[in-house]
N, C-alpha and C. Protein backbone atom coordinates (compact mmCIF):
# COMPACT_ATOMS: atom_id res chain seq x y z
N MET A 1 0.85 -1.17 0.00
CA MET A 1 0.00 0.00 0.00
C MET A 1 0.90 1.24 0.00
N PRO A 2 0.72 2.12 -0.95
CA PRO A 2 1.56 3.32 -1.03
C PRO A 2 1.42 4.21 0.21
N PHE A 3 2.44 5.03 0.46
CA PHE A 3 2.47 5.90 1.63
C PHE A 3 1.25 6.82 1.70
N VAL A 4 0.88 7.43 0.60
CA VAL A 4 -0.24 8.38 0.60
C VAL A 4 -1.53 7.69 1.02
N THR A 5 -1.75 6.49 0.51
CA THR A 5 -2.95 5.74 0.87
C THR A 5 -2.94 5.40 2.36
N ARG A 6 -1.78 4.96 2.86
CA ARG A 6 -1.67 4.65 4.30
C ARG A 6 -1.91 5.90 5.15
N PHE A 7 -1.37 7.03 4.69
CA PHE A 7 -1.55 8.28 5.41
C PHE A 7 -3.04 8.62 5.53
N PHE A 8 -3.79 8.54 4.44
CA PHE A 8 -5.21 8.85 4.49
C PHE A 8 -5.99 7.80 5.28
N LEU A 9 -5.54 6.55 5.24
CA LEU A 9 -6.18 5.52 6.05
C LEU A 9 -6.00 5.80 7.54
N VAL A 10 -4.80 6.22 7.94
CA VAL A 10 -4.54 6.58 9.34
C VAL A 10 -5.41 7.77 9.74
N LEU A 11 -5.51 8.81 8.88
CA LEU A 11 -6.38 9.95 9.17
C LEU A 11 -7.84 9.50 9.31
N HIS A 12 -8.25 8.58 8.45
CA HIS A 12 -9.62 8.08 8.49
C HIS A 12 -9.89 7.35 9.81
N ILE A 13 -8.95 6.54 10.24
CA ILE A 13 -9.10 5.80 11.50
C ILE A 13 -9.07 6.76 12.69
N LEU A 14 -8.17 7.74 12.68
CA LEU A 14 -8.13 8.72 13.77
C LEU A 14 -9.43 9.51 13.84
N GLY A 15 -9.97 9.88 12.69
CA GLY A 15 -11.26 10.58 12.67
C GLY A 15 -12.35 9.73 13.29
N ALA A 16 -12.34 8.44 12.98
CA ALA A 16 -13.35 7.54 13.55
C ALA A 16 -13.20 7.43 15.07
N ILE A 17 -11.97 7.33 15.54
CA ILE A 17 -11.74 7.24 16.98
C ILE A 17 -12.27 8.48 17.69
N ILE A 18 -11.96 9.65 17.15
CA ILE A 18 -12.41 10.90 17.76
C ILE A 18 -13.92 11.01 17.72
N ALA A 19 -14.51 10.78 16.54
CA ALA A 19 -15.96 10.93 16.38
C ALA A 19 -16.72 9.95 17.27
N VAL A 20 -16.32 8.70 17.26
CA VAL A 20 -17.03 7.69 18.05
C VAL A 20 -16.80 7.91 19.54
N GLY A 21 -15.56 8.18 19.91
CA GLY A 21 -15.25 8.35 21.33
C GLY A 21 -16.04 9.47 21.97
N PHE A 22 -16.03 10.62 21.33
CA PHE A 22 -16.79 11.73 21.91
C PHE A 22 -18.29 11.47 21.85
N SER A 23 -18.78 10.91 20.75
CA SER A 23 -20.23 10.65 20.63
C SER A 23 -20.71 9.73 21.75
N VAL A 24 -19.96 8.70 22.03
CA VAL A 24 -20.34 7.75 23.08
C VAL A 24 -20.30 8.45 24.45
N SER A 25 -19.39 9.38 24.63
CA SER A 25 -19.25 10.04 25.94
C SER A 25 -20.39 11.00 26.26
N TYR A 26 -21.14 11.46 25.27
CA TYR A 26 -22.20 12.44 25.52
C TYR A 26 -23.24 11.92 26.52
N GLY A 27 -23.59 10.67 26.41
CA GLY A 27 -24.55 10.09 27.35
C GLY A 27 -24.02 10.08 28.78
N ILE A 28 -22.74 9.84 28.92
CA ILE A 28 -22.11 9.82 30.24
C ILE A 28 -22.11 11.24 30.82
N TRP A 29 -21.70 12.22 30.00
CA TRP A 29 -21.69 13.62 30.45
C TRP A 29 -23.10 14.03 30.91
N THR A 30 -24.09 13.70 30.11
CA THR A 30 -25.47 14.09 30.42
C THR A 30 -25.93 13.43 31.71
N ALA A 31 -25.68 12.15 31.86
CA ALA A 31 -26.09 11.43 33.08
C ALA A 31 -25.41 12.01 34.31
N LEU A 32 -24.12 12.31 34.22
CA LEU A 32 -23.42 12.90 35.36
C LEU A 32 -23.98 14.28 35.70
N GLY A 33 -24.26 15.08 34.67
CA GLY A 33 -24.86 16.40 34.90
C GLY A 33 -26.22 16.29 35.55
N ASP A 34 -27.05 15.37 35.04
CA ASP A 34 -28.39 15.18 35.60
C ASP A 34 -28.32 14.73 37.06
N ALA A 35 -27.31 13.93 37.40
CA ALA A 35 -27.22 13.37 38.75
C ALA A 35 -26.66 14.36 39.77
N THR A 36 -26.01 15.43 39.31
CA THR A 36 -25.33 16.29 40.28
C THR A 36 -26.03 17.62 40.56
N GLY A 37 -26.84 18.10 39.66
CA GLY A 37 -27.55 19.35 39.95
C GLY A 37 -27.79 20.18 38.69
N ALA A 38 -28.61 21.19 38.84
CA ALA A 38 -29.03 21.99 37.69
C ALA A 38 -27.86 22.74 37.05
N ALA A 39 -27.01 23.35 37.84
CA ALA A 39 -25.87 24.10 37.28
C ALA A 39 -24.89 23.14 36.60
N GLU A 40 -24.67 21.99 37.21
CA GLU A 40 -23.75 21.00 36.64
C GLU A 40 -24.32 20.41 35.35
N ARG A 41 -25.63 20.20 35.32
CA ARG A 41 -26.30 19.70 34.11
C ARG A 41 -26.11 20.69 32.96
N ALA A 42 -26.33 21.96 33.23
CA ALA A 42 -26.15 22.98 32.20
C ALA A 42 -24.69 23.01 31.73
N PHE A 43 -23.76 22.90 32.69
CA PHE A 43 -22.34 22.87 32.33
C PHE A 43 -22.02 21.67 31.45
N ALA A 44 -22.54 20.50 31.81
CA ALA A 44 -22.28 19.28 31.02
C ALA A 44 -22.82 19.45 29.61
N LEU A 45 -24.02 19.98 29.46
CA LEU A 45 -24.61 20.16 28.13
C LEU A 45 -23.86 21.22 27.32
N ARG A 46 -23.40 22.30 27.98
CA ARG A 46 -22.58 23.30 27.28
C ARG A 46 -21.27 22.67 26.83
N SER A 47 -20.69 21.81 27.66
CA SER A 47 -19.44 21.13 27.31
C SER A 47 -19.63 20.22 26.11
N ILE A 48 -20.74 19.50 26.09
CA ILE A 48 -21.04 18.64 24.95
C ILE A 48 -21.12 19.49 23.67
N SER A 49 -21.80 20.61 23.74
CA SER A 49 -21.92 21.49 22.57
C SER A 49 -20.55 21.98 22.12
N TRP A 50 -19.72 22.37 23.07
CA TRP A 50 -18.38 22.87 22.75
C TRP A 50 -17.55 21.78 22.08
N ILE A 51 -17.55 20.59 22.67
CA ILE A 51 -16.80 19.47 22.11
C ILE A 51 -17.34 19.09 20.73
N ASP A 52 -18.65 19.09 20.59
CA ASP A 52 -19.27 18.70 19.33
C ASP A 52 -18.86 19.64 18.20
N ARG A 53 -18.87 20.95 18.48
CA ARG A 53 -18.50 21.92 17.44
C ARG A 53 -17.02 21.85 17.09
N ARG A 54 -16.17 21.56 18.05
CA ARG A 54 -14.73 21.64 17.83
C ARG A 54 -14.03 20.31 17.56
N MET A 55 -14.67 19.21 17.94
CA MET A 55 -14.01 17.91 17.79
C MET A 55 -14.86 16.91 17.00
N THR A 56 -16.06 16.62 17.49
CA THR A 56 -16.87 15.56 16.91
C THR A 56 -17.30 15.88 15.49
N THR A 57 -17.90 17.04 15.27
CA THR A 57 -18.35 17.39 13.92
C THR A 57 -17.18 17.47 12.94
N PRO A 58 -16.06 18.14 13.29
CA PRO A 58 -14.92 18.12 12.36
C PRO A 58 -14.41 16.70 12.09
N ALA A 59 -14.47 15.82 13.09
CA ALA A 59 -14.03 14.44 12.87
C ALA A 59 -14.96 13.72 11.89
N PHE A 60 -16.26 13.96 12.00
CA PHE A 60 -17.20 13.36 11.05
C PHE A 60 -16.98 13.91 9.64
N VAL A 61 -16.65 15.19 9.53
CA VAL A 61 -16.33 15.77 8.22
C VAL A 61 -15.04 15.15 7.69
N LEU A 62 -14.05 14.97 8.57
CA LEU A 62 -12.80 14.32 8.19
C LEU A 62 -13.08 12.91 7.65
N GLN A 63 -14.03 12.22 8.25
CA GLN A 63 -14.40 10.89 7.77
C GLN A 63 -14.88 10.94 6.32
N PHE A 64 -15.71 11.91 6.04
CA PHE A 64 -16.22 12.05 4.67
C PHE A 64 -15.08 12.33 3.69
N VAL A 65 -14.22 13.28 4.03
CA VAL A 65 -13.14 13.69 3.13
C VAL A 65 -12.13 12.55 2.94
N THR A 66 -11.67 11.97 4.05
CA THR A 66 -10.66 10.91 3.92
C THR A 66 -11.25 9.67 3.27
N GLY A 67 -12.51 9.38 3.53
CA GLY A 67 -13.16 8.25 2.87
C GLY A 67 -13.23 8.44 1.37
N ALA A 68 -13.61 9.64 0.94
CA ALA A 68 -13.68 9.93 -0.50
C ALA A 68 -12.30 9.84 -1.14
N VAL A 69 -11.28 10.36 -0.45
CA VAL A 69 -9.91 10.29 -0.98
C VAL A 69 -9.46 8.83 -1.07
N LEU A 70 -9.78 8.04 -0.07
CA LEU A 70 -9.39 6.62 -0.10
C LEU A 70 -10.05 5.88 -1.26
N VAL A 71 -11.33 6.15 -1.50
CA VAL A 71 -12.00 5.52 -2.64
C VAL A 71 -11.31 5.92 -3.94
N TRP A 72 -10.95 7.18 -4.04
CA TRP A 72 -10.27 7.67 -5.24
C TRP A 72 -8.89 7.03 -5.38
N LEU A 73 -8.13 6.94 -4.26
CA LEU A 73 -6.78 6.37 -4.30
C LEU A 73 -6.79 4.87 -4.58
N ILE A 74 -7.71 4.16 -3.93
CA ILE A 74 -7.76 2.70 -4.07
C ILE A 74 -8.43 2.30 -5.36
N GLY A 75 -9.39 3.10 -5.77
CA GLY A 75 -10.10 2.82 -7.02
C GLY A 75 -11.59 2.74 -6.77
N THR A 76 -12.34 3.22 -7.74
CA THR A 76 -13.79 3.24 -7.58
C THR A 76 -14.39 1.84 -7.54
N SER A 77 -13.60 0.83 -7.89
CA SER A 77 -14.11 -0.55 -7.75
C SER A 77 -14.43 -0.85 -6.29
N LEU A 78 -13.80 -0.10 -5.40
CA LEU A 78 -14.08 -0.26 -3.97
C LEU A 78 -15.57 -0.01 -3.69
N LEU A 79 -16.18 0.86 -4.49
CA LEU A 79 -17.61 1.16 -4.30
C LEU A 79 -18.50 -0.02 -4.67
N GLN A 80 -17.95 -1.05 -5.26
CA GLN A 80 -18.72 -2.26 -5.57
C GLN A 80 -18.91 -3.13 -4.33
N GLN A 81 -18.19 -2.81 -3.26
CA GLN A 81 -18.29 -3.59 -2.03
C GLN A 81 -19.58 -3.21 -1.29
N THR A 82 -20.39 -4.20 -0.99
CA THR A 82 -21.67 -3.96 -0.32
C THR A 82 -21.48 -3.29 1.03
N TRP A 83 -20.49 -3.73 1.81
CA TRP A 83 -20.25 -3.16 3.14
C TRP A 83 -19.98 -1.66 3.04
N LEU A 84 -19.29 -1.23 1.99
CA LEU A 84 -18.98 0.18 1.85
C LEU A 84 -20.21 0.97 1.41
N ARG A 85 -20.97 0.42 0.50
CA ARG A 85 -22.19 1.11 0.07
C ARG A 85 -23.18 1.25 1.23
N VAL A 86 -23.32 0.20 2.03
CA VAL A 86 -24.20 0.26 3.21
C VAL A 86 -23.65 1.29 4.20
N SER A 87 -22.34 1.30 4.41
CA SER A 87 -21.72 2.26 5.33
C SER A 87 -21.95 3.69 4.87
N ILE A 88 -21.82 3.94 3.57
CA ILE A 88 -22.06 5.29 3.04
C ILE A 88 -23.52 5.68 3.23
N GLY A 89 -24.43 4.75 2.98
CA GLY A 89 -25.85 5.04 3.20
C GLY A 89 -26.14 5.34 4.66
N LEU A 90 -25.54 4.58 5.56
CA LEU A 90 -25.73 4.83 7.00
C LEU A 90 -25.11 6.17 7.42
N TYR A 91 -23.98 6.52 6.80
CA TYR A 91 -23.34 7.80 7.10
C TYR A 91 -24.26 8.96 6.70
N ILE A 92 -24.89 8.83 5.54
CA ILE A 92 -25.83 9.86 5.09
C ILE A 92 -27.01 9.94 6.06
N LEU A 93 -27.56 8.79 6.44
CA LEU A 93 -28.66 8.75 7.40
C LEU A 93 -28.24 9.37 8.73
N LEU A 94 -27.06 9.00 9.20
CA LEU A 94 -26.51 9.54 10.45
C LEU A 94 -26.41 11.06 10.39
N THR A 95 -25.91 11.58 9.30
CA THR A 95 -25.76 13.02 9.14
C THR A 95 -27.11 13.72 9.17
N VAL A 96 -28.08 13.17 8.45
CA VAL A 96 -29.42 13.76 8.42
C VAL A 96 -30.05 13.74 9.81
N LEU A 97 -29.97 12.62 10.49
CA LEU A 97 -30.57 12.52 11.83
C LEU A 97 -29.87 13.44 12.83
N ALA A 98 -28.56 13.51 12.75
CA ALA A 98 -27.81 14.37 13.67
C ALA A 98 -28.18 15.83 13.48
N ILE A 99 -28.32 16.25 12.23
CA ILE A 99 -28.64 17.65 11.93
C ILE A 99 -30.12 17.95 12.18
N ALA A 100 -31.00 17.06 11.73
CA ALA A 100 -32.44 17.34 11.77
C ALA A 100 -33.10 16.99 13.10
N LYS A 101 -32.59 16.01 13.81
CA LYS A 101 -33.25 15.56 15.04
C LYS A 101 -32.43 15.85 16.30
N PHE A 102 -31.21 15.27 16.38
CA PHE A 102 -30.45 15.36 17.62
C PHE A 102 -30.00 16.79 17.93
N ALA A 103 -29.41 17.49 16.98
CA ALA A 103 -28.86 18.83 17.25
C ALA A 103 -29.93 19.81 17.74
N PRO A 104 -31.09 19.90 17.07
CA PRO A 104 -32.11 20.83 17.59
C PRO A 104 -32.60 20.46 18.99
N LEU A 105 -32.76 19.16 19.24
CA LEU A 105 -33.19 18.73 20.58
C LEU A 105 -32.12 19.05 21.62
N HIS A 106 -30.86 18.84 21.27
CA HIS A 106 -29.79 19.14 22.21
C HIS A 106 -29.75 20.64 22.52
N ARG A 107 -29.91 21.47 21.49
CA ARG A 107 -29.93 22.92 21.72
C ARG A 107 -31.09 23.31 22.65
N ARG A 108 -32.25 22.71 22.43
CA ARG A 108 -33.42 22.99 23.29
C ARG A 108 -33.17 22.47 24.70
N GLN A 109 -32.58 21.29 24.80
CA GLN A 109 -32.26 20.71 26.11
C GLN A 109 -31.30 21.63 26.87
N LEU A 110 -30.30 22.15 26.19
CA LEU A 110 -29.35 23.05 26.82
C LEU A 110 -30.04 24.34 27.27
N ALA A 111 -30.87 24.90 26.41
CA ALA A 111 -31.58 26.14 26.77
C ALA A 111 -32.45 25.92 28.01
N LEU A 112 -33.18 24.81 28.05
CA LEU A 112 -34.02 24.51 29.22
C LEU A 112 -33.17 24.27 30.46
N ALA A 113 -32.05 23.57 30.30
CA ALA A 113 -31.18 23.30 31.45
C ALA A 113 -30.64 24.61 32.02
N GLU A 114 -30.29 25.55 31.15
CA GLU A 114 -29.80 26.84 31.63
C GLU A 114 -30.92 27.63 32.32
N GLN A 115 -32.15 27.53 31.80
CA GLN A 115 -33.28 28.19 32.46
C GLN A 115 -33.55 27.57 33.82
N ILE A 116 -33.47 26.24 33.91
CA ILE A 116 -33.68 25.56 35.19
C ILE A 116 -32.61 25.99 36.19
N ALA A 117 -31.36 26.07 35.72
CA ALA A 117 -30.26 26.49 36.60
C ALA A 117 -30.50 27.91 37.13
N ALA A 118 -31.19 28.73 36.34
CA ALA A 118 -31.51 30.09 36.76
C ALA A 118 -32.84 30.15 37.51
N GLY A 119 -33.51 28.99 37.70
CA GLY A 119 -34.76 28.92 38.43
C GLY A 119 -35.98 29.36 37.65
N GLU A 120 -35.94 29.25 36.32
CA GLU A 120 -37.02 29.81 35.50
C GLU A 120 -38.02 28.80 34.92
N THR A 121 -37.64 27.55 34.68
CA THR A 121 -38.49 26.63 33.93
C THR A 121 -38.76 25.36 34.73
N PRO A 122 -39.99 24.84 34.67
CA PRO A 122 -40.26 23.58 35.39
C PRO A 122 -39.51 22.40 34.78
N ASP A 123 -39.13 21.46 35.64
CA ASP A 123 -38.38 20.28 35.21
C ASP A 123 -39.13 19.40 34.22
N GLU A 124 -40.48 19.45 34.22
CA GLU A 124 -41.26 18.59 33.32
C GLU A 124 -40.91 18.87 31.86
N ASP A 125 -40.75 20.14 31.50
CA ASP A 125 -40.39 20.49 30.12
C ASP A 125 -39.03 19.91 29.77
N TYR A 126 -38.10 20.05 30.70
CA TYR A 126 -36.75 19.54 30.46
C TYR A 126 -36.77 18.03 30.27
N ALA A 127 -37.48 17.32 31.11
CA ALA A 127 -37.50 15.86 31.07
C ALA A 127 -37.99 15.35 29.71
N ALA A 128 -39.03 15.97 29.17
CA ALA A 128 -39.57 15.52 27.88
C ALA A 128 -38.56 15.74 26.75
N VAL A 129 -37.94 16.91 26.73
CA VAL A 129 -36.95 17.20 25.68
C VAL A 129 -35.72 16.32 25.87
N ALA A 130 -35.27 16.16 27.10
CA ALA A 130 -34.09 15.34 27.37
C ALA A 130 -34.32 13.89 26.95
N ASN A 131 -35.52 13.39 27.17
CA ASN A 131 -35.83 12.01 26.78
C ASN A 131 -35.77 11.84 25.27
N ARG A 132 -36.35 12.80 24.53
CA ARG A 132 -36.29 12.73 23.06
C ARG A 132 -34.85 12.86 22.57
N ALA A 133 -34.08 13.77 23.17
CA ALA A 133 -32.67 13.93 22.79
C ALA A 133 -31.89 12.64 23.07
N ARG A 134 -32.19 12.00 24.19
CA ARG A 134 -31.51 10.75 24.54
C ARG A 134 -31.82 9.67 23.51
N ILE A 135 -33.07 9.56 23.11
CA ILE A 135 -33.47 8.54 22.12
C ILE A 135 -32.74 8.77 20.80
N TRP A 136 -32.75 10.03 20.30
CA TRP A 136 -32.06 10.32 19.04
C TRP A 136 -30.55 10.20 19.19
N GLY A 137 -30.03 10.54 20.35
CA GLY A 137 -28.59 10.38 20.60
C GLY A 137 -28.18 8.92 20.55
N ILE A 138 -28.99 8.06 21.15
CA ILE A 138 -28.72 6.62 21.11
C ILE A 138 -28.78 6.11 19.67
N ALA A 139 -29.77 6.57 18.92
CA ALA A 139 -29.88 6.15 17.51
C ALA A 139 -28.64 6.55 16.72
N VAL A 140 -28.18 7.78 16.93
CA VAL A 140 -26.99 8.27 16.21
C VAL A 140 -25.77 7.45 16.59
N VAL A 141 -25.60 7.15 17.87
CA VAL A 141 -24.44 6.36 18.32
C VAL A 141 -24.52 4.95 17.77
N LEU A 142 -25.71 4.34 17.78
CA LEU A 142 -25.84 2.97 17.24
C LEU A 142 -25.53 2.91 15.75
N ILE A 143 -25.97 3.91 15.02
CA ILE A 143 -25.65 3.95 13.58
C ILE A 143 -24.14 4.11 13.40
N THR A 144 -23.54 4.99 14.20
CA THR A 144 -22.09 5.20 14.12
C THR A 144 -21.34 3.91 14.41
N LEU A 145 -21.75 3.21 15.46
CA LEU A 145 -21.08 1.95 15.82
C LEU A 145 -21.29 0.88 14.74
N THR A 146 -22.45 0.87 14.10
CA THR A 146 -22.70 -0.06 13.01
C THR A 146 -21.74 0.20 11.85
N ILE A 147 -21.52 1.47 11.54
CA ILE A 147 -20.57 1.82 10.48
C ILE A 147 -19.17 1.33 10.84
N VAL A 148 -18.77 1.53 12.09
CA VAL A 148 -17.44 1.07 12.53
C VAL A 148 -17.33 -0.43 12.36
N VAL A 149 -18.35 -1.17 12.78
CA VAL A 149 -18.33 -2.63 12.65
C VAL A 149 -18.20 -3.03 11.18
N LEU A 150 -18.96 -2.38 10.31
CA LEU A 150 -18.87 -2.68 8.87
C LEU A 150 -17.49 -2.37 8.32
N MET A 151 -16.91 -1.26 8.73
CA MET A 151 -15.59 -0.87 8.24
C MET A 151 -14.50 -1.81 8.72
N VAL A 152 -14.63 -2.33 9.93
CA VAL A 152 -13.62 -3.21 10.49
C VAL A 152 -13.77 -4.63 9.94
N THR A 153 -15.01 -5.14 9.90
CA THR A 153 -15.22 -6.54 9.51
C THR A 153 -15.31 -6.74 8.00
N LYS A 154 -15.73 -5.70 7.27
CA LYS A 154 -15.89 -5.77 5.81
C LYS A 154 -16.58 -7.08 5.39
N PRO A 155 -17.81 -7.29 5.85
CA PRO A 155 -18.48 -8.56 5.54
C PRO A 155 -18.62 -8.76 4.03
N GLY A 156 -18.42 -9.97 3.62
CA GLY A 156 -18.52 -10.31 2.20
C GLY A 156 -17.20 -10.21 1.46
N VAL A 157 -16.14 -9.75 2.14
CA VAL A 157 -14.84 -9.64 1.48
C VAL A 157 -14.01 -10.84 1.82
């Protein structure tokens, strides 16, 4: 395997480690924030937003770029592999769900958490939004993990 291909493969793997690692940690951050208090919950959700903008989202973009470069370097025949086509489809689904469902719910969850920390909003509103955000967050993480499994195992090869 030529150096350039290996270089992009390493970038692709590092992007996956960063994207998956931080994505999986969001549930832990949220649970710890919920368990410790209103101010801590708001801090945990703000931290998730900060990390997502600066680490997770750029890592997911890196996945797209390095994946496209790898297909180009290795050859478009790679696109004939079912595992890769399924992974690309799941990546598109993941992106749509993250942008259309999880991100707006997380922003609303953060806004409510900050209002609760300031003593302004009843917890019932927060609980409903947090539950929906948790469900979509789990869906996004499961799709991400499925892509990782497909990329590692390459079924059918």
